[in-house]
């Protein structure tokens, strides 16, 4: 049995033995509207730039937070290794100094009231973490 040849512009499905041009997701005749693909390159590039900017910004925020945390850690380490003969009170400001022999000590005496080599002024917060103040 030979199949009848149909012209190119006629869409005949040999499996179902029906004409199904209206069911196709693409144009099947010369008079059909042109189907063009959407150019997504510009959208992709904008999205890539946005996500790159967002990630870079978040990275810088996290890095700044990490750097501050490490600086706070170093200050706390120095203070806890310093000599002092009193129990610091939460909410008070103390002053860290360095002696000529390199030993550090914590004092309640402000830098304006003495001649010691000041390393900074510190505040003991409620979490018992030392915060450097100006």
Protein backbone atom coordinates (compact mmCIF):
# COMPACT_ATOMS: atom_id res chain seq x y z
CA UNK A 1 0.00 0.00 0.00
CA UNK A 2 1.50 3.34 -0.98
CA UNK A 3 0.91 6.58 0.84
CA UNK A 4 -0.48 9.51 -1.02
CA UNK A 5 1.94 12.39 -1.10
CA UNK A 6 0.51 15.61 0.29
CA UNK A 7 1.77 19.07 -0.64
CA UNK A 8 4.24 20.69 1.79
CA UNK A 9 1.76 23.23 3.13
CA UNK A 10 -0.81 20.58 4.13
CA UNK A 11 -0.23 19.05 7.54
CA UNK A 12 -1.41 15.50 7.67
CA UNK A 13 -0.60 13.23 10.58
CA UNK A 14 -0.05 9.75 9.23
CA UNK A 15 -0.38 8.19 12.68
CA UNK A 16 -3.86 9.55 13.40
CA UNK A 17 -4.79 9.87 9.71
CA UNK A 18 -6.07 13.41 10.31
CA UNK A 19 -5.23 16.96 9.30
CA UNK A 20 -3.89 18.65 12.45
CA UNK A 21 -2.35 21.98 11.44
CA UNK A 22 -4.37 23.81 14.08
CA UNK A 23 -2.95 21.61 16.84
CA UNK A 24 0.70 22.30 16.06
CA UNK A 25 2.65 24.71 18.35
CA UNK A 26 4.39 26.18 15.30
CA UNK A 27 3.44 27.82 12.01
CA UNK A 28 2.42 25.36 9.30
CA UNK A 29 1.76 27.60 6.34
CA UNK A 30 3.27 30.53 4.53
CA UNK A 31 0.44 32.82 5.71
CA UNK A 32 0.86 31.97 9.39
CA UNK A 33 2.32 34.59 11.74
CA UNK A 34 6.07 34.50 12.16
CA UNK A 35 7.19 32.86 15.36
CA UNK A 36 10.27 34.50 16.79
CA UNK A 37 12.23 33.50 19.84
CA UNK A 38 12.37 35.98 22.66
CA UNK A 39 15.78 37.59 23.13
CA UNK A 40 16.61 36.78 26.75
CA UNK A 41 20.27 37.82 26.61
CA UNK A 42 19.59 41.36 27.85
CA UNK A 43 17.42 40.04 30.70
CA UNK A 44 20.05 37.45 31.63
CA UNK A 45 22.81 40.07 31.61
CA UNK A 46 20.75 42.41 33.84
CA UNK A 47 20.00 39.54 36.21
CA UNK A 48 23.65 38.48 36.31
CA UNK A 49 24.71 42.06 37.08
CA UNK A 50 22.08 42.35 39.83
CA UNK A 51 23.06 39.09 41.52
CA UNK A 52 26.77 39.88 41.21
CA UNK A 53 26.18 43.28 42.83
CA UNK A 54 24.02 41.75 45.57
CA UNK A 55 26.57 39.03 46.35
CA UNK A 56 29.48 41.50 46.32
CA UNK A 57 27.61 43.87 48.65
CA UNK A 58 26.67 41.06 51.04
CA UNK A 59 30.28 39.82 50.99
CA UNK A 60 31.57 43.29 51.93
CA UNK A 61 29.00 43.56 54.75
CA UNK A 62 29.94 40.14 56.11
CA UNK A 63 33.66 40.89 55.77
CA UNK A 64 33.26 44.18 57.68
CA UNK A 65 31.29 42.39 60.39
CA UNK A 66 33.93 39.63 60.56
CA UNK A 67 36.77 42.19 60.74
CA UNK A 68 34.99 44.01 63.60
CA UNK A 69 34.40 40.73 65.41
CA UNK A 70 38.09 39.78 65.08
CA UNK A 71 39.15 43.22 66.29
CA UNK A 72 36.80 42.89 69.30
CA UNK A 73 38.25 39.44 69.95
CA UNK A 74 41.80 40.83 69.92
CA UNK A 75 40.86 43.68 72.27
CA UNK A 76 39.19 41.24 74.68
CA UNK A 77 42.20 38.94 74.53
CA UNK A 78 44.56 41.83 75.36
CA UNK A 79 42.37 43.01 78.24
CA UNK A 80 41.94 39.55 79.76
CA UNK A 81 45.73 39.05 79.56
CA UNK A 82 46.31 42.47 81.19
CA UNK A 83 46.90 42.87 84.89
CA UNK A 84 44.27 44.42 87.12
CA UNK A 85 43.52 44.04 90.81
CA UNK A 86 39.81 44.88 90.81
CA UNK A 87 36.64 43.32 89.48
CA UNK A 88 35.38 45.39 86.53
CA UNK A 89 31.77 46.55 86.78
CA UNK A 90 29.42 46.16 83.82
CA UNK A 91 28.59 49.49 82.23
CA UNK A 92 31.76 51.23 83.38
CA UNK A 93 34.60 52.61 81.28
CA UNK A 94 38.15 51.45 81.91
CA UNK A 95 41.49 52.39 80.39
CA UNK A 96 44.14 50.04 79.07
CA UNK A 97 47.79 51.05 79.36
CA UNK A 98 51.17 49.57 78.51
CA UNK A 99 54.18 49.79 80.85
CA UNK A 100 57.74 50.33 79.61
CA UNK A 101 58.49 46.63 80.14
CA UNK A 102 55.69 45.76 77.66
CA UNK A 103 53.21 44.55 80.29
CA UNK A 104 49.67 45.87 79.90
CA UNK A 105 47.31 46.82 82.71
CA UNK A 106 43.73 47.99 83.13
CA UNK A 107 42.94 51.07 85.20
CA UNK A 108 40.08 53.33 86.22
CA UNK A 109 42.39 56.36 85.80
CA UNK A 110 41.66 58.28 82.57
CA UNK A 111 44.54 59.11 80.17
CA UNK A 112 44.09 62.85 80.86
CA UNK A 113 44.83 62.20 84.53
CA UNK A 114 48.10 60.32 84.10
CA UNK A 115 51.25 59.90 81.99
CA UNK A 116 50.84 56.21 81.10
CA UNK A 117 51.11 54.88 77.53
CA UNK A 118 47.41 54.52 76.62
CA UNK A 119 46.21 51.63 74.42
CA UNK A 120 42.59 52.76 74.50
CA UNK A 121 39.43 53.23 76.51
CA UNK A 122 37.06 50.29 76.91
CA UNK A 123 33.49 49.76 78.01
CA UNK A 124 32.35 46.48 79.61
CA UNK A 125 28.93 45.65 78.14
CA UNK A 126 26.19 43.44 79.66
CA UNK A 127 27.55 40.39 77.83
CA UNK A 128 30.89 41.03 79.60
CA UNK A 129 32.54 41.83 76.29
CA UNK A 130 34.92 44.74 76.14
CA UNK A 131 34.10 47.36 73.51
CA UNK A 132 36.64 49.95 72.49
CA UNK A 133 35.39 53.52 72.70
CA UNK A 134 36.98 56.77 71.59
